[in-house]
Amino acid sequence: MQEALVYCVVAISSVIVVGYAVHMLVGGLVSQETEYLLIALACFADMAVIGYMAWDVIKRRRRDW
């Protein structure tokens, strides 16, 4: 259960950092709609990676029991 709390904190902070990084990278260079689309895509990819890592840890822990 502690893993769930850790992954939630990591996921939230990671999405914030990724969104801000994309904003700083492309902000002002492309239209606002394109920037929002890129931020959404990057955040979705980030959440997919975090979700896969959480799933892998849960799968490995269940196998060890």
Protein backbone atom coordinates (compact mmCIF):
# COMPACT_ATOMS: atom_id res chain seq x y z
CA MET A 1 0.00 0.00 0.00
CA GLN A 2 2.93 2.34 0.58
CA GLU A 3 3.86 1.98 -3.07
CA ALA A 4 0.53 3.47 -4.10
CA LEU A 5 1.19 6.63 -2.11
CA VAL A 6 4.71 6.92 -3.48
CA TYR A 7 3.57 6.41 -7.07
CA CYS A 8 0.78 8.98 -6.67
CA VAL A 9 3.22 11.60 -5.37
CA VAL A 10 5.73 10.78 -8.12
CA ALA A 11 3.05 10.82 -10.82
CA ILE A 12 1.64 14.18 -9.76
CA SER A 13 5.03 15.87 -9.45
CA SER A 14 6.26 14.29 -12.67
CA VAL A 15 3.28 15.53 -14.66
CA ILE A 16 3.80 19.05 -13.32
CA VAL A 17 7.50 19.02 -14.21
CA VAL A 18 6.92 17.55 -17.68
CA GLY A 19 4.14 20.03 -18.46
CA TYR A 20 6.25 22.96 -17.33
CA ALA A 21 9.29 21.71 -19.27
CA VAL A 22 7.27 21.50 -22.48
CA HIS A 23 5.85 24.97 -21.81
CA MET A 24 9.33 26.41 -21.33
CA LEU A 25 10.63 24.63 -24.44
CA VAL A 26 7.93 25.55 -26.94
CA GLY A 27 6.08 28.43 -25.27
CA GLY A 28 6.02 31.42 -27.58
CA LEU A 29 7.42 29.45 -30.53
CA VAL A 30 4.15 27.80 -31.52
CA SER A 31 0.50 28.71 -31.20
CA GLN A 32 -1.17 28.32 -27.83
CA GLU A 33 -3.36 25.45 -29.05
CA THR A 34 -0.30 23.56 -30.32
CA GLU A 35 1.49 24.17 -27.03
CA TYR A 36 -1.47 22.76 -25.08
CA LEU A 37 -1.58 19.74 -27.38
CA LEU A 38 2.13 19.08 -26.90
CA ILE A 39 1.79 19.45 -23.12
CA ALA A 40 -1.13 17.02 -23.10
CA LEU A 41 0.76 14.47 -25.21
CA ALA A 42 3.86 14.71 -23.06
CA CYS A 43 1.85 14.38 -19.85
CA PHE A 44 -0.05 11.40 -21.25
CA ALA A 45 3.23 9.69 -22.20
CA ASP A 46 4.61 10.45 -18.74
CA MET A 47 1.55 8.95 -17.03
CA ALA A 48 1.79 5.86 -19.24
CA VAL A 49 5.41 5.32 -18.19
CA ILE A 50 4.62 5.86 -14.50
CA GLY A 51 1.66 3.48 -14.81
CA TYR A 52 3.81 0.83 -16.46
CA MET A 53 6.43 1.12 -13.73
CA ALA A 54 3.77 0.77 -11.02
CA TRP A 55 2.21 -2.21 -12.79
CA ASP A 56 5.62 -3.88 -13.12
CA VAL A 57 6.41 -3.42 -9.42
CA ILE A 58 3.03 -4.81 -8.39
CA LYS A 59 3.44 -7.78 -10.75
CA ARG A 60 6.93 -8.56 -9.42
CA ARG A 61 5.84 -8.28 -5.78
CA ARG A 62 2.90 -10.65 -6.30
CA ARG A 63 5.15 -13.20 -7.99
CA ASP A 64 7.59 -13.14 -5.06
CA TRP A 65 4.88 -13.98 -2.52
